[in-house]
Amino acid sequence: MLKAGDDAPDFEVDDHDGNRVRLADLRGKTVVLWFYPKADTPG
C-alpha cells in the first residue's frame, strides 16, 4: 500500500491519441491522470 509522499509505481497507459505513455518517461514533470467512462464521450 502506498503512503502519502510515496512515489507512484511505474505503469503504462494509452493517451487520448492512442499513444503509449510510460510514467517513468515523465519523471520530474507534473502528471495529471483523468479517468472517465468511455460511454460518456461523444461518438
N, C-alpha and C. Protein backbone atom coordinates (compact mmCIF):
# COMPACT_ATOMS: atom_id res chain seq x y z
N MET A 1 0.85 -1.17 0.00
CA MET A 1 0.00 0.00 0.00
C MET A 1 0.90 1.24 0.00
N LEU A 2 0.59 2.17 -0.87
CA LEU A 2 1.32 3.43 -0.91
C LEU A 2 0.89 4.33 0.24
N LYS A 3 1.83 5.12 0.69
CA LYS A 3 1.54 6.12 1.72
C LYS A 3 1.71 7.49 1.09
N ALA A 4 1.12 8.50 1.70
CA ALA A 4 1.27 9.87 1.20
C ALA A 4 2.75 10.20 1.08
N GLY A 5 3.13 10.72 -0.07
CA GLY A 5 4.53 11.08 -0.31
C GLY A 5 5.33 10.00 -1.01
N ASP A 6 4.80 8.76 -1.11
CA ASP A 6 5.49 7.69 -1.82
C ASP A 6 5.46 7.96 -3.32
N ASP A 7 6.50 7.51 -4.02
CA ASP A 7 6.49 7.58 -5.47
C ASP A 7 5.50 6.55 -6.01
N ALA A 8 4.81 6.93 -7.07
CA ALA A 8 3.89 6.00 -7.71
C ALA A 8 4.69 4.93 -8.44
N PRO A 9 4.21 3.70 -8.47
CA PRO A 9 4.89 2.66 -9.24
C PRO A 9 4.78 2.96 -10.73
N ASP A 10 5.76 2.52 -11.49
CA ASP A 10 5.74 2.74 -12.93
C ASP A 10 4.58 1.99 -13.57
N PHE A 11 3.97 2.59 -14.58
CA PHE A 11 2.90 1.95 -15.33
C PHE A 11 2.85 2.55 -16.72
N GLU A 12 2.13 1.89 -17.61
CA GLU A 12 1.92 2.39 -18.98
C GLU A 12 0.42 2.55 -19.20
N VAL A 13 0.07 3.55 -20.01
CA VAL A 13 -1.33 3.81 -20.32
C VAL A 13 -1.38 4.44 -21.71
N ASP A 14 -2.50 4.28 -22.40
CA ASP A 14 -2.70 4.93 -23.69
C ASP A 14 -3.24 6.34 -23.46
N ASP A 15 -2.67 7.33 -24.18
CA ASP A 15 -3.21 8.69 -24.08
C ASP A 15 -4.42 8.84 -25.00
N HIS A 16 -4.96 10.04 -25.07
CA HIS A 16 -6.19 10.28 -25.84
C HIS A 16 -5.99 10.11 -27.34
N ASP A 17 -4.74 10.06 -27.79
CA ASP A 17 -4.45 9.83 -29.21
C ASP A 17 -4.05 8.38 -29.48
N GLY A 18 -4.10 7.53 -28.45
CA GLY A 18 -3.75 6.13 -28.62
C GLY A 18 -2.27 5.84 -28.49
N ASN A 19 -1.47 6.85 -28.11
CA ASN A 19 -0.03 6.64 -27.92
C ASN A 19 0.24 6.06 -26.54
N ARG A 20 1.16 5.12 -26.46
CA ARG A 20 1.52 4.51 -25.19
C ARG A 20 2.42 5.47 -24.42
N VAL A 21 2.07 5.76 -23.16
CA VAL A 21 2.84 6.66 -22.30
C VAL A 21 3.25 5.90 -21.05
N ARG A 22 4.51 6.04 -20.68
CA ARG A 22 5.05 5.36 -19.50
C ARG A 22 5.34 6.41 -18.44
N LEU A 23 4.91 6.16 -17.21
CA LEU A 23 5.11 7.12 -16.14
C LEU A 23 6.59 7.46 -15.95
N ALA A 24 7.45 6.49 -16.04
CA ALA A 24 8.89 6.72 -15.84
C ALA A 24 9.44 7.73 -16.86
N ASP A 25 8.85 7.81 -18.04
CA ASP A 25 9.30 8.75 -19.06
C ASP A 25 8.93 10.19 -18.71
N LEU A 26 8.04 10.37 -17.74
CA LEU A 26 7.58 11.70 -17.36
C LEU A 26 8.16 12.16 -16.02
N ARG A 27 9.12 11.41 -15.50
CA ARG A 27 9.71 11.74 -14.20
C ARG A 27 10.20 13.18 -14.19
N GLY A 28 9.88 13.91 -13.12
CA GLY A 28 10.26 15.31 -12.99
C GLY A 28 9.24 16.28 -13.53
N LYS A 29 8.20 15.76 -14.18
CA LYS A 29 7.13 16.61 -14.72
C LYS A 29 5.87 16.42 -13.89
N THR A 30 4.99 17.40 -13.96
CA THR A 30 3.69 17.26 -13.30
C THR A 30 2.81 16.36 -14.15
N VAL A 31 2.19 15.37 -13.52
CA VAL A 31 1.36 14.40 -14.23
C VAL A 31 -0.04 14.42 -13.62
N VAL A 32 -1.05 14.55 -14.47
CA VAL A 32 -2.44 14.50 -14.02
C VAL A 32 -3.12 13.37 -14.78
N LEU A 33 -3.71 12.44 -14.05
CA LEU A 33 -4.47 11.35 -14.67
C LEU A 33 -5.95 11.70 -14.56
N TRP A 34 -6.64 11.60 -15.67
CA TRP A 34 -8.06 11.93 -15.70
C TRP A 34 -8.77 10.72 -16.30
N PHE A 35 -9.55 10.06 -15.46
CA PHE A 35 -10.29 8.87 -15.89
C PHE A 35 -11.76 9.24 -16.07
N TYR A 36 -12.36 8.75 -17.14
CA TYR A 36 -13.78 8.95 -17.36
C TYR A 36 -14.30 7.78 -18.19
N PRO A 37 -15.56 7.45 -18.00
CA PRO A 37 -16.12 6.32 -18.76
C PRO A 37 -16.21 6.64 -20.24
N LYS A 38 -15.77 5.73 -21.05
CA LYS A 38 -15.82 5.91 -22.50
C LYS A 38 -17.26 6.10 -22.97
N ALA A 39 -18.20 5.50 -22.27
CA ALA A 39 -19.61 5.60 -22.66
C ALA A 39 -20.13 7.03 -22.58
N ASP A 40 -19.45 7.90 -21.83
CA ASP A 40 -19.90 9.29 -21.69
C ASP A 40 -19.27 10.22 -22.72
N THR A 41 -18.50 9.66 -23.66
CA THR A 41 -17.86 10.51 -24.67
C THR A 41 -18.71 10.52 -25.94
N PRO A 42 -18.64 11.62 -26.69
CA PRO A 42 -19.41 11.66 -27.93
C PRO A 42 -18.92 10.62 -28.94
N GLY A 43 -19.78 10.16 -29.77
CA GLY A 43 -19.41 9.21 -30.82
C GLY A 43 -19.69 7.86 -30.45
